[in-house]
C-alpha atoms as a PDB file:
ATOM      1  CA  MET A   1      19.069   2.424 -22.996  1.00  0.00           C
ATOM      2  CA  ALA A   2      17.234  -0.438 -21.450  1.00  0.00           C
ATOM      3  CA  VAL A   3      17.397  -0.939 -17.812  1.00  0.00           C
ATOM      4  CA  SER A   4      19.747  -3.718 -16.683  1.00  0.00           C
ATOM      5  CA  SER A   5      20.310  -5.580 -13.441  1.00  0.00           C
ATOM      6  CA  GLU A   6      23.456  -3.416 -12.736  1.00  0.00           C
ATOM      7  CA  GLY A   7      25.431  -0.555 -14.223  1.00  0.00           C
ATOM      8  CA  PRO A   8      24.354   2.916 -15.256  1.00  0.00           C
ATOM      9  CA  LEU A   9      20.601   3.649 -14.661  1.00  0.00           C
ATOM     10  CA  ASP A  10      18.407   6.063 -16.660  1.00  0.00           C
ATOM     11  CA  TRP A  11      15.232   6.557 -14.526  1.00  0.00           C
ATOM     12  CA  ARG A  12      13.472   8.218 -17.411  1.00  0.00           C
ATOM     13  CA  GLU A  13      13.563   4.778 -19.293  1.00  0.00           C
ATOM     14  CA  ALA A  14      12.407   2.922 -16.240  1.00  0.00           C
ATOM     15  CA  CYS A  15       9.004   1.604 -14.882  1.00  0.00           C
ATOM     16  CA  VAL A  16       9.209   1.745 -11.081  1.00  0.00           C
ATOM     17  CA  LEU A  17       6.940   0.002  -8.580  1.00  0.00           C
ATOM     18  CA  VAL A  18       6.745   0.438  -4.880  1.00  0.00           C
ATOM     19  CA  THR A  19       4.926  -2.042  -2.534  1.00  0.00           C
ATOM     20  CA  GLY A  20       3.370  -0.478   0.602  1.00  0.00           C
ATOM     21  CA  GLY A  21       3.252   2.661  -1.609  1.00  0.00           C
ATOM     22  CA  THR A  22       0.780   4.653   0.367  1.00  0.00           C
ATOM     23  CA  GLY A  23       2.990   4.607   3.452  1.00  0.00           C
ATOM     24  CA  SER A  24       5.468   7.365   4.531  1.00  0.00           C
ATOM     25  CA  PHE A  25       8.289   5.884   2.398  1.00  0.00           C
ATOM     26  CA  GLY A  26       5.993   5.449  -0.585  1.00  0.00           C
ATOM     27  CA  ASN A  27       4.541   8.872  -0.488  1.00  0.00           C
ATOM     28  CA  LYS A  28       7.961  10.491  -0.281  1.00  0.00           C
ATOM     29  CA  LEU A  29       9.526   8.160  -2.887  1.00  0.00           C
ATOM     30  CA  VAL A  30       6.694   9.170  -5.348  1.00  0.00           C
ATOM     31  CA  GLU A  31       7.127  12.930  -4.599  1.00  0.00           C
ATOM     32  CA  VAL A  32      11.067  12.435  -5.321  1.00  0.00           C
ATOM     33  CA  MET A  33      10.498  10.303  -8.327  1.00  0.00           C
ATOM     34  CA  LEU A  34       8.118  12.605  -9.999  1.00  0.00           C
ATOM     35  CA  SER A  35      10.140  15.792  -9.299  1.00  0.00           C
ATOM     36  CA  ARG A  36      13.572  14.637  -9.817  1.00  0.00           C
ATOM     37  CA  HIS A  37      13.792  11.339 -11.853  1.00  0.00           C
ATOM     38  CA  ARG A  38      10.582  11.283 -13.966  1.00  0.00           C
ATOM     39  CA  PRO A  39      10.251   7.508 -14.605  1.00  0.00           C
ATOM     40  CA  ARG A  40       8.019   6.651 -17.601  1.00  0.00           C
ATOM     41  CA  ARG A  41       5.605   4.780 -15.325  1.00  0.00           C
ATOM     42  CA  LEU A  42       5.385   4.699 -11.420  1.00  0.00           C
ATOM     43  CA  VAL A  43       3.202   1.889  -9.850  1.00  0.00           C
ATOM     44  CA  ILE A  44       1.809   2.008  -6.352  1.00  0.00           C
ATOM     45  CA  VAL A  45       0.704  -1.293  -4.729  1.00  0.00           C
ATOM     46  CA  SER A  46      -0.970  -1.178  -1.437  1.00  0.00           C
ATOM     47  CA  ARG A  47      -4.141  -2.421   0.493  1.00  0.00           C
ATOM     48  CA  ASP A  48      -5.831   0.796   1.428  1.00  0.00           C
ATOM     49  CA  GLU A  49      -8.022   2.360  -1.226  1.00  0.00           C
ATOM     50  CA  LEU A  50      -8.657   5.478   0.888  1.00  0.00           C
ATOM     51  CA  LYS A  51      -5.037   6.230   0.954  1.00  0.00           C
ATOM     52  CA  GLN A  52      -4.658   5.513  -2.733  1.00  0.00           C
ATOM     53  CA  SER A  53      -7.454   7.988  -3.571  1.00  0.00           C
ATOM     54  CA  GLU A  54      -5.677  10.616  -1.342  1.00  0.00           C
ATOM     55  CA  MET A  55      -2.436  10.094  -3.307  1.00  0.00           C
ATOM     56  CA  MET A  56      -4.305  10.318  -6.641  1.00  0.00           C
ATOM     57  CA  ALA A  57      -5.588  13.722  -5.601  1.00  0.00           C
ATOM     58  CA  ARG A  58      -2.294  14.875  -4.176  1.00  0.00           C
ATOM     59  CA  PHE A  59      -0.122  14.044  -7.159  1.00  0.00           C
ATOM     60  CA  ASN A  60      -2.504  13.816 -10.111  1.00  0.00           C
ATOM     61  CA  HIS A  61       0.238  12.660 -12.545  1.00  0.00           C
ATOM     62  CA  PRO A  62      -0.212  10.786 -15.748  1.00  0.00           C
ATOM     63  CA  SER A  63       2.736   8.479 -14.950  1.00  0.00           C
ATOM     64  CA  LEU A  64       1.144   7.036 -11.806  1.00  0.00           C
ATOM     65  CA  ARG A  65      -0.692   3.849 -11.649  1.00  0.00           C
ATOM     66  CA  PHE A  66      -2.498   2.361  -8.589  1.00  0.00           C
ATOM     67  CA  PHE A  67      -2.963  -1.332  -7.809  1.00  0.00           C
ATOM     68  CA  LEU A  68      -5.062  -2.526  -4.862  1.00  0.00           C
ATOM     69  CA  GLY A  69      -3.282  -5.548  -3.596  1.00  0.00           C
ATOM     70  CA  ASP A  70      -1.317  -7.338  -0.839  1.00  0.00           C
ATOM     71  CA  VAL A  71       2.132  -8.766  -0.812  1.00  0.00           C
ATOM     72  CA  ARG A  72       0.667 -11.947   0.505  1.00  0.00           C
ATOM     73  CA  ASP A  73      -1.021 -12.379  -2.872  1.00  0.00           C
ATOM     74  CA  ARG A  74       1.674 -13.457  -5.420  1.00  0.00           C
ATOM     75  CA  ALA A  75      -0.639 -13.663  -8.436  1.00  0.00           C
ATOM     76  CA  ARG A  76      -1.565  -9.902  -7.748  1.00  0.00           C
ATOM     77  CA  LEU A  77       2.080  -9.005  -7.482  1.00  0.00           C
ATOM     78  CA  GLU A  78       2.811 -10.781 -10.762  1.00  0.00           C
ATOM     79  CA  ARG A  79       0.074  -8.764 -12.561  1.00  0.00           C
ATOM     80  CA  ALA A  80       1.374  -5.459 -11.011  1.00  0.00           C
ATOM     81  CA  MET A  81       4.938  -6.235 -11.932  1.00  0.00           C
ATOM     82  CA  HIS A  82       4.269  -6.854 -15.592  1.00  0.00           C
ATOM     83  CA  GLY A  83       6.583  -4.600 -17.573  1.00  0.00           C
ATOM     84  CA  VAL A  84       8.261  -3.174 -14.386  1.00  0.00           C
ATOM     85  CA  ASP A  85      11.965  -2.635 -14.281  1.00  0.00           C
ATOM     86  CA  ILE A  86      12.705  -1.541 -10.624  1.00  0.00           C
ATOM     87  CA  VAL A  87      10.935  -2.424  -7.426  1.00  0.00           C
ATOM     88  CA  PHE A  88      11.200  -0.833  -4.083  1.00  0.00           C
ATOM     89  CA  HIS A  89       9.705  -3.274  -1.449  1.00  0.00           C
ATOM     90  CA  ALA A  90       8.489  -1.220   1.528  1.00  0.00           C
ATOM     91  CA  ALA A  91       5.259  -3.079   2.550  1.00  0.00           C
ATOM     92  CA  ALA A  92       5.586  -4.454   6.049  1.00  0.00           C
ATOM     93  CA  LEU A  93       3.857  -4.862   9.410  1.00  0.00           C
ATOM     94  CA  LYS A  94       6.225  -2.847  11.638  1.00  0.00           C
ATOM     95  CA  GLN A  95       4.521  -2.018  14.886  1.00  0.00           C
ATOM     96  CA  ILE A  96       6.457  -4.069  17.438  1.00  0.00           C
ATOM     97  CA  PRO A  97       3.593  -4.740  19.956  1.00  0.00           C
ATOM     98  CA  ALA A  98       1.186  -5.662  17.124  1.00  0.00           C
ATOM     99  CA  CYS A  99       3.657  -8.042  15.671  1.00  0.00           C
ATOM    100  CA  GLU A 100       4.294  -9.756  19.090  1.00  0.00           C
ATOM    101  CA  TYR A 101       0.520 -10.180  19.595  1.00  0.00           C
ATOM    102  CA  ASN A 102      -0.197 -11.299  15.977  1.00  0.00           C
ATOM    103  CA  PRO A 103       3.046 -13.270  15.143  1.00  0.00           C
ATOM    104  CA  PHE A 104       1.910 -15.180  12.079  1.00  0.00           C
ATOM    105  CA  GLU A 105       0.278 -12.152  10.597  1.00  0.00           C
ATOM    106  CA  ALA A 106       3.831 -10.539  10.848  1.00  0.00           C
ATOM    107  CA  ILE A 107       5.484 -13.599   9.270  1.00  0.00           C
ATOM    108  CA  GLN A 108       2.920 -13.811   6.459  1.00  0.00           C
ATOM    109  CA  THR A 109       3.396 -10.125   5.483  1.00  0.00           C
ATOM    110  CA  ASN A 110       7.145  -9.494   6.233  1.00  0.00           C
ATOM    111  CA  VAL A 111       8.632 -12.962   5.494  1.00  0.00           C
ATOM    112  CA  LEU A 112       6.222 -14.725   3.043  1.00  0.00           C
ATOM    113  CA  GLY A 113       5.418 -11.434   1.442  1.00  0.00           C
ATOM    114  CA  ALA A 114       9.115 -10.837   0.782  1.00  0.00           C
ATOM    115  CA  LYS A 115       9.351 -14.238  -0.754  1.00  0.00           C
ATOM    116  CA  ASN A 116       6.342 -13.507  -3.058  1.00  0.00           C
ATOM    117  CA  VAL A 117       7.990 -10.192  -4.119  1.00  0.00           C
ATOM    118  CA  ILE A 118      11.188 -12.108  -5.006  1.00  0.00           C
ATOM    119  CA  ASP A 119       9.316 -14.801  -7.019  1.00  0.00           C
ATOM    120  CA  ALA A 120       7.071 -12.394  -8.776  1.00  0.00           C
ATOM    121  CA  ALA A 121      10.034 -10.079  -9.756  1.00  0.00           C
ATOM    122  CA  ILE A 122      12.096 -13.039 -11.134  1.00  0.00           C
ATOM    123  CA  ASP A 123       9.127 -14.449 -13.075  1.00  0.00           C
ATOM    124  CA  GLU A 124       8.170 -11.053 -14.529  1.00  0.00           C
ATOM    125  CA  GLY A 125      11.663  -9.988 -15.457  1.00  0.00           C
ATOM    126  CA  VAL A 126      12.152  -7.120 -13.081  1.00  0.00           C
ATOM    127  CA  LYS A 127      15.731  -5.925 -13.273  1.00  0.00           C
ATOM    128  CA  ARG A 128      16.471  -4.487  -9.782  1.00  0.00           C
ATOM    129  CA  VAL A 129      14.744  -4.988  -6.544  1.00  0.00           C
ATOM    130  CA  ILE A 130      15.550  -3.046  -3.234  1.00  0.00           C
ATOM    131  CA  GLY A 131      14.221  -4.267   0.061  1.00  0.00           C
ATOM    132  CA  ILE A 132      13.715  -1.580   2.769  1.00  0.00           C
ATOM    133  CA  SER A 133      14.888  -2.989   6.144  1.00  0.00           C
ATOM    134  CA  THR A 134      15.553  -1.722   9.614  1.00  0.00           C
ATOM    135  CA  ASP A 135      18.200  -1.517  12.425  1.00  0.00           C
ATOM    136  CA  LYS A 136      15.660  -3.713  14.506  1.00  0.00           C
ATOM    137  CA  CYS A 137      16.835  -6.785  12.403  1.00  0.00           C
ATOM    138  CA  VAL A 138      20.341  -6.687  13.804  1.00  0.00           C
ATOM    139  CA  ASN A 139      20.660  -9.205  16.761  1.00  0.00           C
ATOM    140  CA  PRO A 140      16.785  -9.000  16.968  1.00  0.00           C
ATOM    141  CA  ILE A 141      14.962  -9.416  20.249  1.00  0.00           C
ATOM    142  CA  ASN A 142      11.384  -8.906  18.965  1.00  0.00           C
ATOM    143  CA  LEU A 143       9.441 -10.571  16.251  1.00  0.00           C
ATOM    144  CA  TYR A 144       9.328  -7.599  13.884  1.00  0.00           C
ATOM    145  CA  GLY A 145      13.156  -7.558  13.929  1.00  0.00           C
ATOM    146  CA  ALA A 146      13.286 -11.287  13.293  1.00  0.00           C
ATOM    147  CA  THR A 147      10.966 -11.077  10.443  1.00  0.00           C
ATOM    148  CA  LYS A 148      12.951  -8.323   8.781  1.00  0.00           C
ATOM    149  CA  LEU A 149      16.192 -10.349   9.332  1.00  0.00           C
ATOM    150  CA  CYS A 150      14.526 -13.226   7.481  1.00  0.00           C
ATOM    151  CA  ALA A 151      13.426 -10.838   4.826  1.00  0.00           C
ATOM    152  CA  GLU A 152      16.973  -9.533   4.355  1.00  0.00           C
ATOM    153  CA  LYS A 153      18.321 -13.114   4.051  1.00  0.00           C
ATOM    154  CA  LEU A 154      15.680 -14.019   1.434  1.00  0.00           C
ATOM    155  CA  PHE A 155      16.580 -10.797  -0.640  1.00  0.00           C
ATOM    156  CA  VAL A 156      20.337 -11.496  -0.598  1.00  0.00           C
ATOM    157  CA  GLN A 157      19.962 -15.216  -1.439  1.00  0.00           C
ATOM    158  CA  GLY A 158      17.264 -14.329  -4.036  1.00  0.00           C
ATOM    159  CA  ASN A 159      20.153 -13.463  -6.357  1.00  0.00           C
ATOM    160  CA  VAL A 160      20.946 -17.237  -6.658  1.00  0.00           C
ATOM    161  CA  TYR A 161      17.714 -17.562  -8.658  1.00  0.00           C
ATOM    162  CA  GLY A 162      17.439 -14.083 -10.016  1.00  0.00           C
ATOM    163  CA  ARG A 163      20.793 -13.242 -11.361  1.00  0.00           C
ATOM    164  CA  PRO A 164      20.887 -15.967 -14.030  1.00  0.00           C
ATOM    165  CA  ARG A 165      17.600 -14.458 -15.281  1.00  0.00           C
ATOM    166  CA  GLY A 166      18.595 -10.777 -15.094  1.00  0.00           C
ATOM    167  CA  THR A 167      17.021  -9.916 -11.703  1.00  0.00           C
ATOM    168  CA  SER A 168      19.228  -8.542  -8.972  1.00  0.00           C
ATOM    169  CA  PHE A 169      18.240  -8.006  -5.312  1.00  0.00           C
ATOM    170  CA  ALA A 170      19.686  -5.713  -2.693  1.00  0.00           C
ATOM    171  CA  VAL A 171      18.700  -4.344   0.733  1.00  0.00           C
ATOM    172  CA  VAL A 172      18.751  -0.913   2.393  1.00  0.00           C
ATOM    173  CA  ARG A 173      18.890  -0.843   6.122  1.00  0.00           C
ATOM    174  CA  TYR A 174      18.523   2.347   8.258  1.00  0.00           C
ATOM    175  CA  GLY A 175      17.393   3.533  11.601  1.00  0.00           C
ATOM    176  CA  ASN A 176      14.301   5.514  12.968  1.00  0.00           C
ATOM    177  CA  VAL A 177      12.772   7.902  10.445  1.00  0.00           C
ATOM    178  CA  ILE A 178      11.972  11.337  11.824  1.00  0.00           C
ATOM    179  CA  GLY A 179       8.235  12.067  11.849  1.00  0.00           C
ATOM    180  CA  SER A 180       7.130   8.780  10.241  1.00  0.00           C
ATOM    181  CA  ARG A 181       3.818   7.233  11.275  1.00  0.00           C
ATOM    182  CA  GLY A 182       4.478   5.379  14.570  1.00  0.00           C
ATOM    183  CA  SER A 183       7.570   7.398  15.436  1.00  0.00           C
ATOM    184  CA  VAL A 184       8.058   8.746  18.918  1.00  0.00           C
ATOM    185  CA  VAL A 185       8.525  12.251  17.554  1.00  0.00           C
ATOM    186  CA  PRO A 186       4.783  12.827  16.863  1.00  0.00           C
ATOM    187  CA  LEU A 187       4.009  10.978  20.104  1.00  0.00           C
ATOM    188  CA  PHE A 188       5.937  13.560  22.021  1.00  0.00           C
ATOM    189  CA  ALA A 189       4.486  16.344  20.079  1.00  0.00           C
ATOM    190  CA  THR A 190       1.011  15.033  21.047  1.00  0.00           C
ATOM    191  CA  GLN A 191       1.936  14.464  24.698  1.00  0.00           C
ATOM    192  CA  ARG A 192       3.464  17.877  25.258  1.00  0.00           C
ATOM    193  CA  ALA A 193      -0.103  19.532  25.140  1.00  0.00           C
ATOM    194  CA  SER A 194      -0.632  17.731  28.550  1.00  0.00           C
ATOM    195  CA  GLY A 195       2.675  18.936  29.931  1.00  0.00           C
ATOM    196  CA  ARG A 196       3.833  15.382  30.444  1.00  0.00           C
ATOM    197  CA  VAL A 197       5.699  12.984  28.207  1.00  0.00           C
ATOM    198  CA  THR A 198       6.454   9.261  28.743  1.00  0.00           C
ATOM    199  CA  VAL A 199       9.946   7.690  28.485  1.00  0.00           C
ATOM    200  CA  THR A 200      10.713   4.090  28.604  1.00  0.00           C
ATOM    201  CA  ASP A 201      14.440   4.538  29.651  1.00  0.00           C
ATOM    202  CA  ARG A 202      16.240   7.799  30.030  1.00  0.00           C
ATOM    203  CA  ALA A 203      19.450   6.203  28.938  1.00  0.00           C
ATOM    204  CA  MET A 204      18.072   5.087  25.565  1.00  0.00           C
ATOM    205  CA  THR A 205      19.733   6.101  22.271  1.00  0.00           C
ATOM    206  CA  ARG A 206      18.486   5.756  18.604  1.00  0.00           C
ATOM    207  CA  PHE A 207      19.699   6.305  15.090  1.00  0.00           C
ATOM    208  CA  TRP A 208      17.700   8.868  13.207  1.00  0.00           C
ATOM    209  CA  ILE A 209      17.243   9.804   9.490  1.00  0.00           C
ATOM    210  CA  LYS A 210      15.009  12.173   7.656  1.00  0.00           C
ATOM    211  CA  LEU A 211      12.479  10.567   5.405  1.00  0.00           C
ATOM    212  CA  GLU A 212      13.830  12.356   2.362  1.00  0.00           C
ATOM    213  CA  GLU A 213      17.301  11.132   3.152  1.00  0.00           C
ATOM    214  CA  GLY A 214      16.031   7.579   3.499  1.00  0.00           C
ATOM    215  CA  VAL A 215      14.273   7.702   0.239  1.00  0.00           C
ATOM    216  CA  GLY A 216      17.319   9.288  -1.499  1.00  0.00           C
ATOM    217  CA  PHE A 217      19.598   6.656  -0.005  1.00  0.00           C
ATOM    218  CA  ALA A 218      17.297   3.836  -1.431  1.00  0.00           C
ATOM    219  CA  VAL A 219      17.261   5.485  -4.900  1.00  0.00           C
ATOM    220  CA  ARG A 220      21.073   5.733  -4.847  1.00  0.00           C
ATOM    221  CA  SER A 221      21.417   2.180  -3.659  1.00  0.00           C
ATOM    222  CA  ALA A 222      19.313   1.063  -6.646  1.00  0.00           C
ATOM    223  CA  GLU A 223      21.747   2.846  -8.793  1.00  0.00           C
ATOM    224  CA  LEU A 224      24.752   1.428  -7.131  1.00  0.00           C
ATOM    225  CA  MET A 225      23.685  -2.257  -6.547  1.00  0.00           C
ATOM    226  CA  ARG A 226      25.398  -5.216  -8.062  1.00  0.00           C
ATOM    227  CA  GLY A 227      23.122  -7.813  -6.307  1.00  0.00           C
ATOM    228  CA  GLY A 228      23.366  -9.149  -2.739  1.00  0.00           C
ATOM    229  CA  GLU A 229      24.404  -6.057  -0.915  1.00  0.00           C
ATOM    230  CA  ILE A 230      23.016  -4.531   2.229  1.00  0.00           C
ATOM    231  CA  PHE A 231      23.579  -0.779   2.186  1.00  0.00           C
ATOM    232  CA  VAL A 232      23.889   1.078   5.438  1.00  0.00           C
ATOM    233  CA  PRO A 233      24.066   4.893   5.641  1.00  0.00           C
ATOM    234  CA  LYS A 234      26.008   6.687   8.240  1.00  0.00           C
ATOM    235  CA  ILE A 235      23.498   8.560  10.179  1.00  0.00           C
ATOM    236  CA  PRO A 236      23.436  10.542  13.506  1.00  0.00           C
ATOM    237  CA  SER A 237      22.287   9.146  16.947  1.00  0.00           C
ATOM    238  CA  MET A 238      20.347  11.029  19.581  1.00  0.00           C
ATOM    239  CA  ARG A 239      19.667  10.477  23.313  1.00  0.00           C
ATOM    240  CA  ILE A 240      15.996  10.160  24.184  1.00  0.00           C
ATOM    241  CA  MET A 241      16.272  12.932  26.710  1.00  0.00           C
ATOM    242  CA  ASP A 242      17.721  15.245  24.132  1.00  0.00           C
ATOM    243  CA  LEU A 243      14.930  14.341  21.941  1.00  0.00           C
ATOM    244  CA  VAL A 244      12.367  15.263  24.682  1.00  0.00           C
ATOM    245  CA  GLY A 245      14.151  18.576  25.181  1.00  0.00           C
ATOM    246  CA  ALA A 246      13.848  19.162  21.415  1.00  0.00           C
ATOM    247  CA  ILE A 247      10.126  18.212  20.922  1.00  0.00           C
ATOM    248  CA  ALA A 248       8.643  18.796  24.441  1.00  0.00           C
ATOM    249  CA  PRO A 249      10.873  21.260  26.300  1.00  0.00           C
ATOM    250  CA  GLY A 250       9.856  21.908  29.919  1.00  0.00           C
ATOM    251  CA  CYS A 251       7.459  18.976  30.095  1.00  0.00           C
ATOM    252  CA  LEU A 252       7.432  16.618  33.051  1.00  0.00           C
ATOM    253  CA  VAL A 253       9.035  13.318  32.172  1.00  0.00           C
ATOM    254  CA  GLU A 254       7.380  10.037  33.293  1.00  0.00           C
ATOM    255  CA  ASP A 255       9.460   6.843  33.440  1.00  0.00           C
ATOM    256  CA  ILE A 256       7.183   3.912  32.395  1.00  0.00           C
ATOM    257  CA  GLY A 257       9.912   1.267  31.912  1.00  0.00           C
ATOM    258  CA  ILE A 258      11.425  -0.444  28.760  1.00  0.00           C
ATOM    259  CA  ARG A 259       8.804  -2.241  26.808  1.00  0.00           C
ATOM    260  CA  PRO A 260       8.861  -5.914  25.873  1.00  0.00           C
ATOM    261  CA  GLY A 261      10.957  -6.273  22.711  1.00  0.00           C
ATOM    262  CA  GLU A 262      12.629  -2.924  23.048  1.00  0.00           C
ATOM    263  CA  LYS A 263      16.459  -2.413  23.168  1.00  0.00           C
ATOM    264  CA  LEU A 264      18.255   0.298  24.981  1.00  0.00           C
ATOM    265  CA  HIS A 265      20.462   0.935  21.962  1.00  0.00           C
ATOM    266  CA  GLU A 266      20.220  -0.041  18.339  1.00  0.00           C
ATOM    267  CA  ILE A 267      22.834  -1.475  16.047  1.00  0.00           C
ATOM    268  CA  LEU A 268      23.050  -1.007  12.264  1.00  0.00           C
ATOM    269  CA  LEU A 269      26.185  -3.177  11.733  1.00  0.00           C
ATOM    270  CA  SER A 270      27.101  -5.938  14.100  1.00  0.00           C
ATOM    271  CA  GLU A 271      30.639  -7.161  14.901  1.00  0.00           C
ATOM    272  CA  ASP A 272      30.052 -10.293  12.855  1.00  0.00           C
ATOM    273  CA  GLU A 273      28.600  -8.478   9.863  1.00  0.00           C
ATOM    274  CA  SER A 274      31.555  -5.882   9.973  1.00  0.00           C
ATOM    275  CA  ARG A 275      33.734  -8.710   8.629  1.00  0.00           C
ATOM    276  CA  GLN A 276      31.778  -8.599   5.480  1.00  0.00           C
ATOM    277  CA  ALA A 277      31.413  -4.857   5.282  1.00  0.00           C
ATOM    278  CA  VAL A 278      33.265  -2.243   3.184  1.00  0.00           C
ATOM    279  CA  GLU A 279      33.283   1.359   4.645  1.00  0.00           C
ATOM    280  CA  PHE A 280      32.885   4.496   2.551  1.00  0.00           C
ATOM    281  CA  ASN A 281      32.681   8.030   3.496  1.00  0.00           C
ATOM    282  CA  ASP A 282      28.907   8.091   3.888  1.00  0.00           C
ATOM    283  CA  MET A 283      27.917   4.415   4.281  1.00  0.00           C
ATOM    284  CA  PHE A 284      28.798   0.756   4.767  1.00  0.00           C
ATOM    285  CA  VAL A 285      28.138  -1.839   2.271  1.00  0.00           C
ATOM    286  CA  ILE A 286      27.790  -5.361   3.705  1.00  0.00           C
ATOM    287  CA  GLU A 287      28.746  -7.676   1.003  1.00  0.00           C
ATOM    288  CA  PRO A 288      27.067 -11.254   0.578  1.00  0.00           C
ATOM    289  CA  LEU A 289      28.648 -14.043   2.568  1.00  0.00           C
ATOM    290  CA  ASP A 290      28.547 -16.719  -0.046  1.00  0.00           C
ATOM    291  CA  PRO A 291      27.840 -15.080  -3.482  1.00  0.00           C
ATOM    292  CA  SER A 292      27.639 -18.149  -5.721  1.00  0.00           C
ATOM    293  CA  TRP A 293      26.138 -15.879  -8.399  1.00  0.00           C
ATOM    294  CA  GLY A 294      29.437 -14.220  -9.151  1.00  0.00           C
ATOM    295  CA  TYR A 295      29.333 -11.077  -7.057  1.00  0.00           C
ATOM    296  CA  GLN A 296      32.147  -8.646  -7.717  1.00  0.00           C
ATOM    297  CA  GLY A 297      33.473  -6.759  -4.658  1.00  0.00           C
ATOM    298  CA  ARG A 298      33.498  -3.122  -4.398  1.00  0.00           C
ATOM    299  CA  GLU A 299      36.616  -0.883  -4.824  1.00  0.00           C
ATOM    300  CA  GLY A 300      37.537   2.305  -3.084  1.00  0.00           C
ATOM    301  CA  GLY A 301      36.429   1.405   0.432  1.00  0.00           C
ATOM    302  CA  LYS A 302      38.190   0.045   3.568  1.00  0.00           C
ATOM    303  CA  ARG A 303      37.523  -2.800   5.917  1.00  0.00           C
ATOM    304  CA  PRO A 304      36.399  -1.873   9.378  1.00  0.00           C
ATOM    305  CA  ALA A 305      38.634  -2.636  12.208  1.00  0.00           C
ATOM    306  CA  ARG A 306      38.360  -6.040  13.921  1.00  0.00           C
ATOM    307  CA  GLY A 307      35.470  -6.128  16.327  1.00  0.00           C
ATOM    308  CA  PHE A 308      33.938  -2.940  14.968  1.00  0.00           C
ATOM    309  CA  ARG A 309      30.123  -2.401  15.292  1.00  0.00           C
ATOM    310  CA  TYR A 310      27.923   0.492  14.308  1.00  0.00           C
ATOM    311  CA  SER A 311      25.781   1.258  17.279  1.00  0.00           C
ATOM    312  CA  SER A 312      23.506   4.273  18.358  1.00  0.00           C
ATOM    313  CA  ASP A 313      25.416   4.542  21.695  1.00  0.00           C
ATOM    314  CA  SER A 314      28.939   4.619  20.331  1.00  0.00           C
ATOM    315  CA  ASN A 315      28.312   6.716  17.189  1.00  0.00           C
ATOM    316  CA  ASP A 316      30.693   9.549  16.089  1.00  0.00           C
ATOM    317  CA  VAL A 317      27.822  11.803  15.140  1.00  0.00           C
ATOM    318  CA  TRP A 318      25.110  13.075  17.436  1.00  0.00           C
ATOM    319  CA  LEU A 319      21.952  15.240  16.890  1.00  0.00           C
ATOM    320  CA  SER A 320      21.567  18.132  19.196  1.00  0.00           C
ATOM    321  CA  PRO A 321      18.053  19.290  20.457  1.00  0.00           C
ATOM    322  CA  ALA A 322      18.254  22.221  18.235  1.00  0.00           C
ATOM    323  CA  ALA A 323      19.185  20.169  15.179  1.00  0.00           C
ATOM    324  CA  MET A 324      16.237  17.655  15.895  1.00  0.00           C
ATOM    325  CA  LYS A 325      13.819  20.635  16.357  1.00  0.00           C
ATOM    326  CA  GLU A 326      14.733  21.883  12.954  1.00  0.00           C
ATOM    327  CA  LEU A 327      14.644  18.548  11.297  1.00  0.00           C
ATOM    328  CA  ALA A 328      11.230  17.847  12.786  1.00  0.00           C
ATOM    329  CA  GLY A 329       9.925  21.100  11.776  1.00  0.00           C
ATOM    330  CA  GLU A 330       9.045  22.188  15.229  1.00  0.00           C
END
């Protein structure tokens, strides 16, 4: 069965591409794809030849292909997407201080790069495209969050152009990934050797998800998508001081003050977005606001209560220090 823009999906018949494929998400996606889904071809697009060579050595699989390239280069994306059925777009500049200091670099990769992915996917006949987003895009106060909000909007509205030509776009949005590069978890693990850890605000809370769970959710969203949705998993929250207790117990805590562009709490679903959301047992689906491409609503869910928001400080599910310690492999 050929891959279509919606409906049942047979991964064994699919050619899959991931941008930013040498990052944390890409490495885990490759692992999951090769071990569970076995696509006929799996294409990695990234800028770092060293990381690509390390992945080649690690996986050494005949289905893998590696393209050096940048999402800023539309022509290179078109070449890489030739014959591709499904794209996971994970390439991004995501370090908040670096994005603030280099704003147009962030815009060129996170916004214009997303546009290039959309244009290349439509022109090359890709069937399904999943954008990987972040809780930082909800009511953003830093440039990184603002660029990811723009990327989400581009992906949703990309269906206006894509759907008539058989290409559907959707977005996956989740919180902090346990142990990913740039995460506070490995930072605390490094700092504990000195007996002192730095905390920006002791009242802070965050959403957390395991890397494998985030990848699995993205894969499932690619199977469920109809075009135009933003998929939000229900995941646990954790207080920063509980995180310190899990990763660096007994260490002295130094308060360094909240950083520019940093929030006290994160939101995965805002009050305004909840009016467009459908709630299921394990996720929310934010449906498109103005789906001129003929989006069909989802059945079996319920609408959140008026004024509902899904925030890390008012979550129903919390991680204990013991649970985080186990998840982080400490």
